[in-house]
Structure formats: structure tokens, C-alpha cells
C-alpha atoms as a PDB file:
ATOM      1  CA  MET A   1       0.000   0.000   0.000  1.00  0.00           C
ATOM      2  CA  ASN A   2       1.431   3.379  -0.962  1.00  0.00           C
ATOM      3  CA  ALA A   3       1.673   6.327   1.381  1.00  0.00           C
ATOM      4  CA  SER A   4      -1.385   8.155  -0.009  1.00  0.00           C
ATOM      5  CA  ASN A   5      -3.658   5.134   0.299  1.00  0.00           C
ATOM      6  CA  LEU A   6      -2.326   4.430   3.776  1.00  0.00           C
ATOM      7  CA  CYS A   7      -3.135   7.990   4.763  1.00  0.00           C
ATOM      8  CA  LEU A   8      -6.682   7.724   3.398  1.00  0.00           C
ATOM      9  CA  LEU A   9      -7.184   4.464   5.264  1.00  0.00           C
ATOM     10  CA  SER A  10      -5.921   6.109   8.458  1.00  0.00           C
ATOM     11  CA  VAL A  11      -8.397   8.959   7.979  1.00  0.00           C
ATOM     12  CA  ALA A  12     -11.230   6.446   7.557  1.00  0.00           C
ATOM     13  CA  VAL A  13     -10.219   4.612  10.711  1.00  0.00           C
ATOM     14  CA  ILE A  14      -9.986   7.879  12.666  1.00  0.00           C
ATOM     15  CA  CYS A  15     -13.479   8.861  11.491  1.00  0.00           C
ATOM     16  CA  MET A  16     -14.953   5.505  12.510  1.00  0.00           C
ATOM     17  CA  VAL A  17     -13.319   5.634  15.937  1.00  0.00           C
ATOM     18  CA  LEU A  18     -14.402   9.220  16.444  1.00  0.00           C
ATOM     19  CA  ALA A  19     -17.975   8.446  15.379  1.00  0.00           C
ATOM     20  CA  TRP A  20     -18.075   5.498  17.793  1.00  0.00           C
ATOM     21  CA  SER A  21     -16.455   7.150  20.806  1.00  0.00           C
ATOM     22  CA  GLU A  22     -17.509  10.781  20.325  1.00  0.00           C
ATOM     23  CA  PRO A  23     -20.578  10.788  18.065  1.00  0.00           C
ATOM     24  CA  SER A  24     -21.195  14.470  18.675  1.00  0.00           C
ATOM     25  CA  ASN A  25     -17.980  15.345  16.838  1.00  0.00           C
ATOM     26  CA  ALA A  26     -17.680  15.434  13.086  1.00  0.00           C
ATOM     27  CA  CYS A  27     -14.546  14.171  11.397  1.00  0.00           C
ATOM     28  CA  GLY A  28     -13.639  17.393   9.691  1.00  0.00           C
ATOM     29  CA  PRO A  29     -11.294  17.719   6.725  1.00  0.00           C
ATOM     30  CA  CYS A  30      -8.007  15.911   7.347  1.00  0.00           C
ATOM     31  CA  THR A  31      -4.706  16.525   5.642  1.00  0.00           C
ATOM     32  CA  CYS A  32      -1.750  14.240   5.037  1.00  0.00           C
ATOM     33  CA  SER A  33       2.010  14.773   5.032  1.00  0.00           C
ATOM     34  CA  ASN A  34       4.363  12.055   3.852  1.00  0.00           C
ATOM     35  CA  GLY A  35       1.528   9.564   4.071  1.00  0.00           C
ATOM     36  CA  VAL A  36       0.672  10.399   7.687  1.00  0.00           C
ATOM     37  CA  VAL A  37      -2.500  12.023   9.013  1.00  0.00           C
ATOM     38  CA  MET A  38      -1.251  15.320  10.379  1.00  0.00           C
ATOM     39  CA  SER A  39      -4.263  17.588  10.744  1.00  0.00           C
ATOM     40  CA  CYS A  40      -7.854  16.723  11.656  1.00  0.00           C
ATOM     41  CA  PRO A  41      -9.286  19.892  13.183  1.00  0.00           C
ATOM     42  CA  ASN A  42     -12.051  18.203  15.178  1.00  0.00           C
ATOM     43  CA  ILE A  43      -9.945  15.455  16.718  1.00  0.00           C
ATOM     44  CA  ALA A  44      -8.847  15.726  20.334  1.00  0.00           C
ATOM     45  CA  LYS A  45      -6.340  12.859  20.257  1.00  0.00           C
ATOM     46  CA  ILE A  46      -3.628  12.177  17.689  1.00  0.00           C
ATOM     47  CA  SER A  47      -1.619   8.951  17.756  1.00  0.00           C
ATOM     48  CA  LEU A  48       1.388   8.621  15.447  1.00  0.00           C
ATOM     49  CA  ARG A  49       3.021   5.712  17.263  1.00  0.00           C
ATOM     50  CA  SER A  50       5.747   3.819  15.441  1.00  0.00           C
ATOM     51  CA  TYR A  51       5.253   5.549  12.093  1.00  0.00           C
ATOM     52  CA  GLY A  52       8.997   5.800  11.403  1.00  0.00           C
ATOM     53  CA  LEU A  53       8.819   9.602  11.373  1.00  0.00           C
ATOM     54  CA  THR A  54      12.211  11.257  10.999  1.00  0.00           C
ATOM     55  CA  ASP A  55      11.084  14.887  11.001  1.00  0.00           C
ATOM     56  CA  LEU A  56       8.067  17.141  11.412  1.00  0.00           C
ATOM     57  CA  SER A  57       7.462  20.532   9.859  1.00  0.00           C
ATOM     58  CA  GLY A  58       6.830  23.477  12.146  1.00  0.00           C
ATOM     59  CA  SER A  59       3.247  23.656  10.870  1.00  0.00           C
ATOM     60  CA  ALA A  60       2.447  19.958  11.366  1.00  0.00           C
ATOM     61  CA  PHE A  61      -0.154  20.627  14.056  1.00  0.00           C
ATOM     62  CA  GLN A  62      -1.176  24.163  13.142  1.00  0.00           C
ATOM     63  CA  ASN A  63      -4.803  23.189  12.530  1.00  0.00           C
ATOM     64  CA  ASN A  64      -5.156  20.978  15.599  1.00  0.00           C
ATOM     65  CA  LYS A  65      -6.317  23.726  17.901  1.00  0.00           C
ATOM     66  CA  ILE A  66      -8.487  21.495  20.123  1.00  0.00           C
ATOM     67  CA  VAL A  67      -6.113  18.550  20.401  1.00  0.00           C
ATOM     68  CA  THR A  68      -5.492  17.438  23.992  1.00  0.00           C
ATOM     69  CA  ASP A  69      -3.296  14.363  23.405  1.00  0.00           C
ATOM     70  CA  ILE A  70      -0.431  13.834  20.960  1.00  0.00           C
ATOM     71  CA  ASP A  71       1.394  10.509  20.910  1.00  0.00           C
ATOM     72  CA  LEU A  72       4.676  10.383  18.965  1.00  0.00           C
ATOM     73  CA  TYR A  73       6.014   7.315  20.759  1.00  0.00           C
ATOM     74  CA  GLN A  74       8.756   5.257  19.099  1.00  0.00           C
ATOM     75  CA  ASN A  75       9.607   7.204  15.974  1.00  0.00           C
ATOM     76  CA  GLN A  76      12.976   8.408  14.715  1.00  0.00           C
ATOM     77  CA  LEU A  77      12.656  12.112  15.356  1.00  0.00           C
ATOM     78  CA  VAL A  78      16.011  13.850  15.846  1.00  0.00           C
ATOM     79  CA  HIS A  79      14.928  17.500  16.067  1.00  0.00           C
ATOM     80  CA  LEU A  80      11.664  19.309  16.733  1.00  0.00           C
ATOM     81  CA  PRO A  81      10.908  22.757  15.260  1.00  0.00           C
ATOM     82  CA  ALA A  82      10.647  25.452  17.920  1.00  0.00           C
ATOM     83  CA  GLY A  83       7.089  26.371  16.903  1.00  0.00           C
ATOM     84  CA  LEU A  84       5.769  22.800  16.532  1.00  0.00           C
ATOM     85  CA  PHE A  85       3.231  23.117  19.354  1.00  0.00           C
ATOM     86  CA  ASN A  86       2.412  26.828  19.056  1.00  0.00           C
ATOM     87  CA  ALA A  87      -1.175  26.133  17.962  1.00  0.00           C
ATOM     88  CA  THR A  88      -1.882  23.282  20.384  1.00  0.00           C
ATOM     89  CA  THR A  89      -2.825  25.500  23.292  1.00  0.00           C
ATOM     90  CA  LYS A  90      -5.190  22.875  24.756  1.00  0.00           C
ATOM     91  CA  LEU A  91      -2.610  20.098  24.771  1.00  0.00           C
ATOM     92  CA  GLN A  92      -2.645  18.136  28.032  1.00  0.00           C
ATOM     93  CA  THR A  93      -0.643  14.977  27.271  1.00  0.00           C
ATOM     94  CA  LEU A  94       2.442  14.678  25.041  1.00  0.00           C
ATOM     95  CA  ASN A  95       4.384  11.452  24.522  1.00  0.00           C
ATOM     96  CA  LEU A  96       7.807  11.708  22.852  1.00  0.00           C
ATOM     97  CA  ARG A  97       9.304   8.553  24.342  1.00  0.00           C
ATOM     98  CA  TYR A  98      11.634   6.376  22.276  1.00  0.00           C
ATOM     99  CA  ASN A  99      12.785   8.835  19.635  1.00  0.00           C
ATOM    100  CA  GLN A 100      16.272  10.073  18.732  1.00  0.00           C
ATOM    101  CA  LEU A 101      15.950  13.629  19.991  1.00  0.00           C
ATOM    102  CA  VAL A 102      19.354  15.176  20.616  1.00  0.00           C
ATOM    103  CA  ASP A 103      18.044  18.518  21.866  1.00  0.00           C
ATOM    104  CA  LEU A 104      14.897  20.453  22.642  1.00  0.00           C
ATOM    105  CA  PRO A 105      14.638  24.078  21.478  1.00  0.00           C
ATOM    106  CA  ASP A 106      14.027  26.701  24.119  1.00  0.00           C
ATOM    107  CA  GLY A 107      10.416  27.825  23.773  1.00  0.00           C
ATOM    108  CA  LEU A 108       9.182  24.471  22.441  1.00  0.00           C
ATOM    109  CA  PHE A 109       6.417  24.403  25.047  1.00  0.00           C
ATOM    110  CA  LYS A 110       5.751  28.140  25.339  1.00  0.00           C
ATOM    111  CA  ALA A 111       2.147  27.782  24.100  1.00  0.00           C
ATOM    112  CA  THR A 112       1.254  24.530  25.867  1.00  0.00           C
ATOM    113  CA  THR A 113       0.043  26.168  29.040  1.00  0.00           C
ATOM    114  CA  GLU A 114      -2.464  23.349  29.713  1.00  0.00           C
ATOM    115  CA  LEU A 115       0.123  20.565  29.522  1.00  0.00           C
ATOM    116  CA  GLN A 116      -0.201  18.119  32.407  1.00  0.00           C
ATOM    117  CA  THR A 117       1.794  15.028  31.354  1.00  0.00           C
ATOM    118  CA  LEU A 118       5.042  15.063  29.374  1.00  0.00           C
ATOM    119  CA  ASP A 119       7.002  11.918  28.532  1.00  0.00           C
ATOM    120  CA  LEU A 120      10.540  12.458  27.211  1.00  0.00           C
ATOM    121  CA  ASP A 121      11.952   9.086  28.266  1.00  0.00           C
ATOM    122  CA  ASP A 122      14.478   7.231  26.121  1.00  0.00           C
ATOM    123  CA  ASN A 123      15.967  10.007  24.015  1.00  0.00           C
ATOM    124  CA  PRO A 124      19.699  10.781  23.734  1.00  0.00           C
ATOM    125  CA  PHE A 125      19.759  14.481  24.629  1.00  0.00           C
ATOM    126  CA  VAL A 126      22.124  15.393  27.451  1.00  0.00           C
ATOM    127  CA  HIS A 127      20.773  18.722  28.701  1.00  0.00           C
ATOM    128  CA  LEU A 128      17.574  20.718  29.045  1.00  0.00           C
ATOM    129  CA  PRO A 129      17.226  24.479  28.401  1.00  0.00           C
ATOM    130  CA  VAL A 130      16.684  26.281  31.696  1.00  0.00           C
ATOM    131  CA  GLY A 131      13.467  27.916  30.447  1.00  0.00           C
ATOM    132  CA  LEU A 132      11.998  24.806  28.823  1.00  0.00           C
ATOM    133  CA  PHE A 133       9.117  24.519  31.296  1.00  0.00           C
ATOM    134  CA  ASN A 134       8.518  28.215  31.962  1.00  0.00           C
ATOM    135  CA  ALA A 135       5.028  28.174  30.424  1.00  0.00           C
ATOM    136  CA  THR A 136       3.930  24.704  31.561  1.00  0.00           C
ATOM    137  CA  THR A 137       2.617  25.889  34.893  1.00  0.00           C
ATOM    138  CA  LYS A 138       0.025  23.079  35.071  1.00  0.00           C
ATOM    139  CA  LEU A 139       2.487  20.253  34.476  1.00  0.00           C
ATOM    140  CA  GLU A 140       1.879  17.380  36.916  1.00  0.00           C
ATOM    141  CA  ASN A 141       3.732  14.334  35.529  1.00  0.00           C
ATOM    142  CA  LEU A 142       7.205  14.514  33.969  1.00  0.00           C
ATOM    143  CA  TYR A 143       9.228  11.570  32.652  1.00  0.00           C
ATOM    144  CA  LEU A 144      12.935  12.195  32.060  1.00  0.00           C
ATOM    145  CA  SER A 145      14.436   8.719  32.311  1.00  0.00           C
ATOM    146  CA  ARG A 146      17.223   7.209  30.213  1.00  0.00           C
ATOM    147  CA  ILE A 147      18.130  10.427  28.404  1.00  0.00           C
ATOM    148  CA  GLN A 148      21.791  10.777  29.446  1.00  0.00           C
ATOM    149  CA  LEU A 149      21.213  13.868  31.585  1.00  0.00           C
ATOM    150  CA  GLY A 150      24.418  14.991  33.282  1.00  0.00           C
ATOM    151  CA  TYR A 151      23.008  17.982  35.170  1.00  0.00           C
ATOM    152  CA  LEU A 152      19.811  19.902  35.856  1.00  0.00           C
ATOM    153  CA  PRO A 153      20.078  23.695  35.499  1.00  0.00           C
ATOM    154  CA  VAL A 154      19.096  25.988  38.349  1.00  0.00           C
ATOM    155  CA  GLY A 155      15.605  27.329  37.742  1.00  0.00           C
ATOM    156  CA  LEU A 156      14.472  24.415  35.552  1.00  0.00           C
ATOM    157  CA  PHE A 157      11.390  23.778  37.707  1.00  0.00           C
ATOM    158  CA  ASP A 158      10.706  27.302  38.954  1.00  0.00           C
ATOM    159  CA  ALA A 159       7.420  27.539  37.024  1.00  0.00           C
ATOM    160  CA  THR A 160       6.187  23.967  37.538  1.00  0.00           C
ATOM    161  CA  THR A 161       4.544  24.641  40.865  1.00  0.00           C
ATOM    162  CA  LYS A 162       1.818  22.000  40.309  1.00  0.00           C
ATOM    163  CA  ILE A 163       4.111  19.107  39.474  1.00  0.00           C
ATOM    164  CA  LYS A 164       3.470  15.920  41.418  1.00  0.00           C
ATOM    165  CA  VAL A 165       5.647  13.205  39.853  1.00  0.00           C
ATOM    166  CA  ILE A 166       9.130  13.350  38.269  1.00  0.00           C
ATOM    167  CA  TYR A 167      11.183  10.416  37.016  1.00  0.00           C
ATOM    168  CA  PHE A 168      14.944  10.726  36.488  1.00  0.00           C
ATOM    169  CA  TRP A 169      15.775   7.017  36.288  1.00  0.00           C
ATOM    170  CA  ASP A 170      18.972   5.886  34.573  1.00  0.00           C
ATOM    171  CA  ASN A 171      20.719   9.166  33.855  1.00  0.00           C
ATOM    172  CA  LYS A 172      24.203  10.468  34.668  1.00  0.00           C
ATOM    173  CA  LEU A 173      23.368  13.026  37.329  1.00  0.00           C
ATOM    174  CA  ASP A 174      26.200  13.390  39.857  1.00  0.00           C
ATOM    175  CA  HIS A 175      24.964  16.408  41.813  1.00  0.00           C
ATOM    176  CA  LEU A 176      21.829  18.493  42.363  1.00  0.00           C
ATOM    177  CA  HIS A 177      21.579  22.205  43.147  1.00  0.00           C
ATOM    178  CA  ALA A 178      20.178  23.045  46.584  1.00  0.00           C
ATOM    179  CA  GLY A 179      17.313  25.163  45.216  1.00  0.00           C
ATOM    180  CA  LEU A 180      16.287  22.837  42.398  1.00  0.00           C
ATOM    181  CA  PHE A 181      12.923  21.955  43.952  1.00  0.00           C
ATOM    182  CA  ASN A 182      12.174  25.177  45.809  1.00  0.00           C
ATOM    183  CA  ALA A 183       9.072  25.874  43.700  1.00  0.00           C
ATOM    184  CA  THR A 184       7.727  22.312  43.484  1.00  0.00           C
ATOM    185  CA  THR A 185       5.704  22.519  46.662  1.00  0.00           C
ATOM    186  CA  GLU A 186       3.123  19.933  45.494  1.00  0.00           C
ATOM    187  CA  LEU A 187       5.673  17.270  44.516  1.00  0.00           C
ATOM    188  CA  GLU A 188       4.577  13.838  45.778  1.00  0.00           C
ATOM    189  CA  SER A 189       6.902  11.322  44.074  1.00  0.00           C
ATOM    190  CA  LEU A 190      10.525  11.732  42.989  1.00  0.00           C
ATOM    191  CA  TYR A 191      12.660   9.045  41.359  1.00  0.00           C
ATOM    192  CA  PHE A 192      16.457   9.163  40.931  1.00  0.00           C
ATOM    193  CA  LYS A 193      17.235   5.455  40.538  1.00  0.00           C
ATOM    194  CA  ASN A 194      20.558   4.572  38.903  1.00  0.00           C
ATOM    195  CA  ASN A 195      22.338   7.887  38.594  1.00  0.00           C
ATOM    196  CA  GLN A 196      25.777   8.889  39.874  1.00  0.00           C
ATOM    197  CA  LEU A 197      24.829  11.065  42.832  1.00  0.00           C
ATOM    198  CA  VAL A 198      27.595  11.221  45.446  1.00  0.00           C
ATOM    199  CA  ASP A 199      25.933  13.659  47.849  1.00  0.00           C
ATOM    200  CA  LEU A 200      22.795  15.714  48.342  1.00  0.00           C
ATOM    201  CA  PRO A 201      22.816  19.342  49.510  1.00  0.00           C
ATOM    202  CA  ASP A 202      21.203  20.222  52.797  1.00  0.00           C
ATOM    203  CA  GLY A 203      17.898  21.937  52.069  1.00  0.00           C
ATOM    204  CA  LEU A 204      17.308  20.103  48.779  1.00  0.00           C
ATOM    205  CA  PHE A 205      13.850  19.019  49.949  1.00  0.00           C
ATOM    206  CA  LYS A 206      12.990  21.964  52.189  1.00  0.00           C
ATOM    207  CA  ALA A 207      10.029  22.995  50.004  1.00  0.00           C
ATOM    208  CA  THR A 208       8.750  19.520  49.077  1.00  0.00           C
ATOM    209  CA  THR A 209       6.474  19.184  52.068  1.00  0.00           C
ATOM    210  CA  GLU A 210       4.022  16.937  50.165  1.00  0.00           C
ATOM    211  CA  LEU A 211       6.675  14.382  49.187  1.00  0.00           C
ATOM    212  CA  GLN A 212       5.515  10.811  49.861  1.00  0.00           C
ATOM    213  CA  THR A 213       7.854   8.638  47.757  1.00  0.00           C
ATOM    214  CA  LEU A 214      11.584   9.227  47.247  1.00  0.00           C
ATOM    215  CA  ASP A 215      13.695   6.803  45.219  1.00  0.00           C
ATOM    216  CA  LEU A 216      17.481   7.287  45.475  1.00  0.00           C
ATOM    217  CA  LYS A 217      18.563   3.696  44.925  1.00  0.00           C
ATOM    218  CA  ASP A 218      21.644   2.674  42.951  1.00  0.00           C
ATOM    219  CA  ASN A 219      23.620   5.880  43.277  1.00  0.00           C
ATOM    220  CA  GLN A 220      26.943   6.555  45.001  1.00  0.00           C
ATOM    221  CA  LEU A 221      25.756   8.407  48.089  1.00  0.00           C
ATOM    222  CA  PHE A 222      28.161   8.086  51.004  1.00  0.00           C
ATOM    223  CA  HIS A 223      26.714  10.760  53.293  1.00  0.00           C
ATOM    224  CA  LEU A 224      23.333  12.350  54.029  1.00  0.00           C
ATOM    225  CA  PRO A 225      22.944  15.728  55.795  1.00  0.00           C
ATOM    226  CA  ALA A 226      21.238  15.419  59.186  1.00  0.00           C
ATOM    227  CA  GLY A 227      18.445  17.788  58.170  1.00  0.00           C
ATOM    228  CA  LEU A 228      17.874  16.438  54.671  1.00  0.00           C
ATOM    229  CA  PHE A 229      14.359  15.188  55.468  1.00  0.00           C
ATOM    230  CA  SER A 230      13.399  17.802  58.055  1.00  0.00           C
ATOM    231  CA  ALA A 231      10.584  19.188  55.862  1.00  0.00           C
ATOM    232  CA  THR A 232       9.346  15.929  54.314  1.00  0.00           C
ATOM    233  CA  THR A 233       6.906  15.165  57.089  1.00  0.00           C
ATOM    234  CA  LYS A 234       4.593  13.185  54.764  1.00  0.00           C
ATOM    235  CA  LEU A 235       7.295  10.878  53.412  1.00  0.00           C
ATOM    236  CA  GLN A 236       6.085   7.260  53.358  1.00  0.00           C
ATOM    237  CA  LYS A 237       8.558   5.363  51.166  1.00  0.00           C
ATOM    238  CA  LEU A 238      12.312   5.969  51.050  1.00  0.00           C
ATOM    239  CA  ASP A 239      14.614   3.836  48.926  1.00  0.00           C
ATOM    240  CA  LEU A 240      18.368   4.211  49.544  1.00  0.00           C
ATOM    241  CA  LYS A 241      19.337   0.750  48.326  1.00  0.00           C
ATOM    242  CA  GLY A 242      22.636   0.286  46.512  1.00  0.00           C
ATOM    243  CA  ASN A 243      24.571   3.315  47.740  1.00  0.00           C
ATOM    244  CA  GLN A 244      27.804   3.732  49.716  1.00  0.00           C
ATOM    245  CA  LEU A 245      26.386   4.969  52.999  1.00  0.00           C
ATOM    246  CA  VAL A 246      28.760   4.343  55.913  1.00  0.00           C
ATOM    247  CA  HIS A 247      26.721   6.016  58.661  1.00  0.00           C
ATOM    248  CA  LEU A 248      23.396   7.780  59.222  1.00  0.00           C
ATOM    249  CA  PRO A 249      23.014  10.963  61.322  1.00  0.00           C
ATOM    250  CA  ALA A 250      21.119  10.386  64.573  1.00  0.00           C
ATOM    251  CA  GLY A 251      18.266  12.769  63.707  1.00  0.00           C
ATOM    252  CA  LEU A 252      17.965  11.890  60.043  1.00  0.00           C
ATOM    253  CA  PHE A 253      14.392  10.576  60.358  1.00  0.00           C
ATOM    254  CA  SER A 254      13.187  12.717  63.247  1.00  0.00           C
ATOM    255  CA  ALA A 255      10.626  14.557  61.067  1.00  0.00           C
ATOM    256  CA  THR A 256       9.503  11.617  58.906  1.00  0.00           C
ATOM    257  CA  THR A 257       6.799  10.508  61.291  1.00  0.00           C
ATOM    258  CA  LYS A 258       4.730   8.890  58.512  1.00  0.00           C
ATOM    259  CA  LEU A 259       7.547   6.805  57.056  1.00  0.00           C
ATOM    260  CA  GLN A 260       6.331   3.246  56.367  1.00  0.00           C
ATOM    261  CA  LYS A 261       9.019   1.631  54.218  1.00  0.00           C
ATOM    262  CA  LEU A 262      12.794   2.146  54.365  1.00  0.00           C
ATOM    263  CA  ASP A 263      15.250   0.283  52.132  1.00  0.00           C
ATOM    264  CA  LEU A 264      18.954   0.468  53.035  1.00  0.00           C
ATOM    265  CA  LEU A 265      20.004  -2.769  51.336  1.00  0.00           C
ATOM    266  CA  ASP A 266      23.496  -2.915  49.798  1.00  0.00           C
ATOM    267  CA  ASN A 267      25.223  -0.095  51.661  1.00  0.00           C
ATOM    268  CA  GLN A 268      28.311   0.055  53.903  1.00  0.00           C
ATOM    269  CA  LEU A 269      26.668   0.729  57.258  1.00  0.00           C
ATOM    270  CA  VAL A 270      28.677  -0.432  60.271  1.00  0.00           C
ATOM    271  CA  HIS A 271      26.694   1.145  63.140  1.00  0.00           C
ATOM    272  CA  LEU A 272      23.250   2.683  63.531  1.00  0.00           C
ATOM    273  CA  PRO A 273      22.666   5.486  66.061  1.00  0.00           C
ATOM    274  CA  ALA A 274      20.442   4.750  69.042  1.00  0.00           C
ATOM    275  CA  GLY A 275      17.064   6.409  68.628  1.00  0.00           C
ATOM    276  CA  LEU A 276      17.284   6.468  64.822  1.00  0.00           C
ATOM    277  CA  PHE A 277      13.658   5.312  64.531  1.00  0.00           C
ATOM    278  CA  ASN A 278      12.235   6.896  67.689  1.00  0.00           C
ATOM    279  CA  THR A 279       9.756   9.120  65.838  1.00  0.00           C
ATOM    280  CA  THR A 280       8.965   6.840  62.877  1.00  0.00           C
ATOM    281  CA  THR A 281       6.013   5.261  64.619  1.00  0.00           C
ATOM    282  CA  LYS A 282       4.382   4.100  61.375  1.00  0.00           C
ATOM    283  CA  LEU A 283       7.480   2.305  60.100  1.00  0.00           C
ATOM    284  CA  ARG A 284       6.575  -1.246  59.082  1.00  0.00           C
ATOM    285  CA  ASN A 285       9.194  -2.401  56.585  1.00  0.00           C
ATOM    286  CA  VAL A 286      12.987  -2.036  56.992  1.00  0.00           C
ATOM    287  CA  SER A 287      15.684  -3.690  54.900  1.00  0.00           C
ATOM    288  CA  LEU A 288      19.300  -3.592  56.127  1.00  0.00           C
ATOM    289  CA  TRP A 289      20.401  -6.582  54.087  1.00  0.00           C
ATOM    290  CA  ASN A 290      24.022  -6.738  52.929  1.00  0.00           C
ATOM    291  CA  ASN A 291      25.626  -4.023  55.018  1.00  0.00           C
ATOM    292  CA  LYS A 292      28.537  -4.304  57.469  1.00  0.00           C
ATOM    293  CA  LEU A 293      26.655  -3.964  60.729  1.00  0.00           C
ATOM    294  CA  VAL A 294      28.594  -5.299  63.702  1.00  0.00           C
ATOM    295  CA  ASP A 295      26.080  -4.340  66.404  1.00  0.00           C
ATOM    296  CA  LEU A 296      22.661  -2.815  66.969  1.00  0.00           C
ATOM    297  CA  PRO A 297      21.838  -0.466  69.857  1.00  0.00           C
ATOM    298  CA  ALA A 298      19.240  -1.505  72.417  1.00  0.00           C
ATOM    299  CA  GLY A 299      15.801  -0.087  71.693  1.00  0.00           C
ATOM    300  CA  LEU A 300      16.599   0.592  68.032  1.00  0.00           C
ATOM    301  CA  PHE A 301      13.415  -1.027  66.794  1.00  0.00           C
ATOM    302  CA  ASN A 302      11.001   0.608  69.186  1.00  0.00           C
ATOM    303  CA  VAL A 303       8.301   0.514  66.483  1.00  0.00           C
ATOM    304  CA  GLU A 304       5.742  -2.068  65.329  1.00  0.00           C
ATOM    305  CA  LEU A 305       7.721  -3.513  62.450  1.00  0.00           C
ATOM    306  CA  GLU A 306       6.166  -6.191  60.261  1.00  0.00           C
ATOM    307  CA  TYR A 307       9.221  -6.893  58.093  1.00  0.00           C
ATOM    308  CA  LEU A 308      12.903  -6.620  58.992  1.00  0.00           C
ATOM    309  CA  ASP A 309      15.831  -7.915  56.913  1.00  0.00           C
ATOM    310  CA  LEU A 310      19.253  -8.153  58.575  1.00  0.00           C
ATOM    311  CA  LEU A 311      20.734 -10.816  56.299  1.00  0.00           C
ATOM    312  CA  ASP A 312      24.398 -10.670  55.281  1.00  0.00           C
ATOM    313  CA  ASN A 313      25.809  -8.439  57.991  1.00  0.00           C
ATOM    314  CA  GLN A 314      28.493  -9.067  60.615  1.00  0.00           C
ATOM    315  CA  LEU A 315      26.315  -9.215  63.697  1.00  0.00           C
ATOM    316  CA  VAL A 316      27.597 -11.471  66.461  1.00  0.00           C
ATOM    317  CA  HIS A 317      25.475 -10.214  69.357  1.00  0.00           C
ATOM    318  CA  LEU A 318      22.019  -8.702  69.723  1.00  0.00           C
ATOM    319  CA  PRO A 319      21.038  -6.771  72.869  1.00  0.00           C
ATOM    320  CA  ALA A 320      18.326  -8.210  75.072  1.00  0.00           C
ATOM    321  CA  GLY A 321      14.884  -6.862  74.277  1.00  0.00           C
ATOM    322  CA  LEU A 322      15.850  -5.629  70.816  1.00  0.00           C
ATOM    323  CA  PHE A 323      12.567  -6.867  69.379  1.00  0.00           C
ATOM    324  CA  LYS A 324      10.404  -6.243  72.438  1.00  0.00           C
ATOM    325  CA  ALA A 325       8.244  -3.632  70.678  1.00  0.00           C
ATOM    326  CA  THR A 326       7.976  -5.489  67.360  1.00  0.00           C
ATOM    327  CA  THR A 327       4.983  -7.560  68.383  1.00  0.00           C
ATOM    328  CA  LYS A 328       3.643  -7.620  64.810  1.00  0.00           C
ATOM    329  CA  LEU A 329       6.892  -8.753  63.196  1.00  0.00           C
ATOM    330  CA  GLN A 330       6.096 -11.392  60.563  1.00  0.00           C
ATOM    331  CA  ASN A 331       9.395 -11.688  58.693  1.00  0.00           C
ATOM    332  CA  LEU A 332      12.898 -11.507  60.155  1.00  0.00           C
END
């Protein structure tokens, strides 16, 4: 089937789907570019998944003024024109995952003020323009995994005050600026798995008072500031697995009174301070597997744990009454 016929068939399919799912809408005049449906004015959702697209003209979506969802997943796009989304002012969801994008022009999202979900996973660009998200003030979900990011510029998230979830999995980040999340006061979940972070600045999370899930596993952290979590009073899940932590400050978890799950597997911990979990009264799951613990202070687990993993340490003695308070412990 040639490109023109394929395009016509795609238009017919779009019309049938639209008539079935949204009968009140008419399938207005559609146009094709390189055999792909590019402009159907009355359509709210455009899917161009796996079309083998290598480029898009700056006017590709100029007639799609009511579109709310654009899916460009798994194409071969290398560059995007700066004005590509200038007409899509109602856009809420944009999927650019699995392309070959090497950069994003500053101002690419200047007109997408309604954007709520943006997926940029699995592209090879190494940096983001500092003003990239200046207009996306309603952004809630951001996916930035496996894109070779080496740093995040100061001010990158200053306008994204509504953001709730950010993924940074599998990048090359080795440090974060102290004020990076100062404006993200509604952030609930933050994922940094498998980067190269060696330390975290004190005050990094001072504004993220709604944070509930924090994933820092598989980095190279060897030290955590004592007040790092002083503002994250709603934190429930903390994953520090696979780092190089040698010790934990005594008051590290003093403010995380809602913490339920803590993973410290695969670190270098030798001792734990007495009273480390004194205020974490909701803590139920703790993994300390594969550390270098030689002792545990009396009263350490003065909480109602349900799961505790101490496998592969160097413990030779446990103080009497260590598990006195863990009356609901099911797995040890």
C-alpha cells in the first residue's frame, strides 16, 4: 500500500473511531504529510506511534487547535521545530518517548500552558534548556528517564509549581543544586534510581512538604545531611538501596513521622545510632540486608515492624529486648 492510500485508510479509521467514541464530533477535513495524518481539526487525540517519522514541519499541528493528546512514541525524530506546538494550546498529554531527539529548542512548550503530562523518556539528549518549562505551569507528571542527563540547570522547575511526579531514572546526574525543587511545593513522588549522585545538599527538599515517595537507589551516596528530610513530614517510602552509605546521622528521620518503608540494602553501614527510629512510629518495613553492621543499639526497633531484613551483615550479638516492641513482626 502506498503512502497516499495508507493515509486515506488512516483517515477512515480515525473517522470511525471518532464516530463510535464521540458521536457528537464530526470528522472534519483531514490533511496528510508524507503519508501520515497530520491535521484533523475536530480530533482531540492524535496517535502517530511507530510511524517511522524522521522529522516534522513546524506547521504539522497548526490546525489541531483542540487537540489534547499527541502521541509520537517510538519514531525516529532527531529535532523538533521550535514552533511545533504553538497552535496546540489545549494540549494536556504529550508522549515523545523512544525517539532520537538530541536537543529540545528553548520555547518548544511556550504555548502549551495546559500541559499536564510530558514523557521524554528514552531520548539521547544530554541537557535541558533552563526555560523549557517556563510556560507549563500546570504540568503534573514529567518523565525524564534514560536520556543521558548529566546535570539539571538551576531554575528548571521554577514555574512547575503543580508538578506531582518526576522520574529521572537511569541518567548520569552526579549532583543536584540546593534550590532545584524550591518551587515544586506539590511534589509527591521523585525518582532518581541509577544515577551517579555522590551527595545531596542540605535543604534540597525543604520545600517539598508533600513528598511521599523518594527513590534514590543505585547511586553513590556516602553521606546524608542530618536535616535532609526535616521538611518531608509526609514521606512514606524511602529507597536508599545500593549506595555507599557508611553512617546515618542520629536525627535523620526525626521529622519523617509517617515513614512506612525504608530500604537500606546494599550499603556500607557499620553502626546505627540509638534512637534512629524513635519518631517513625508508622514504620513497618525495613531492609538492612548486605551491610557491614557489627552491632545494633538496644531499643533501636522501638516501632511495630512487620518486616525486617538483617541478612548478610556481621552481627555477632544482639542486645536483650531488641525486638520487644515489634509484636507484629512477621518476617525476620
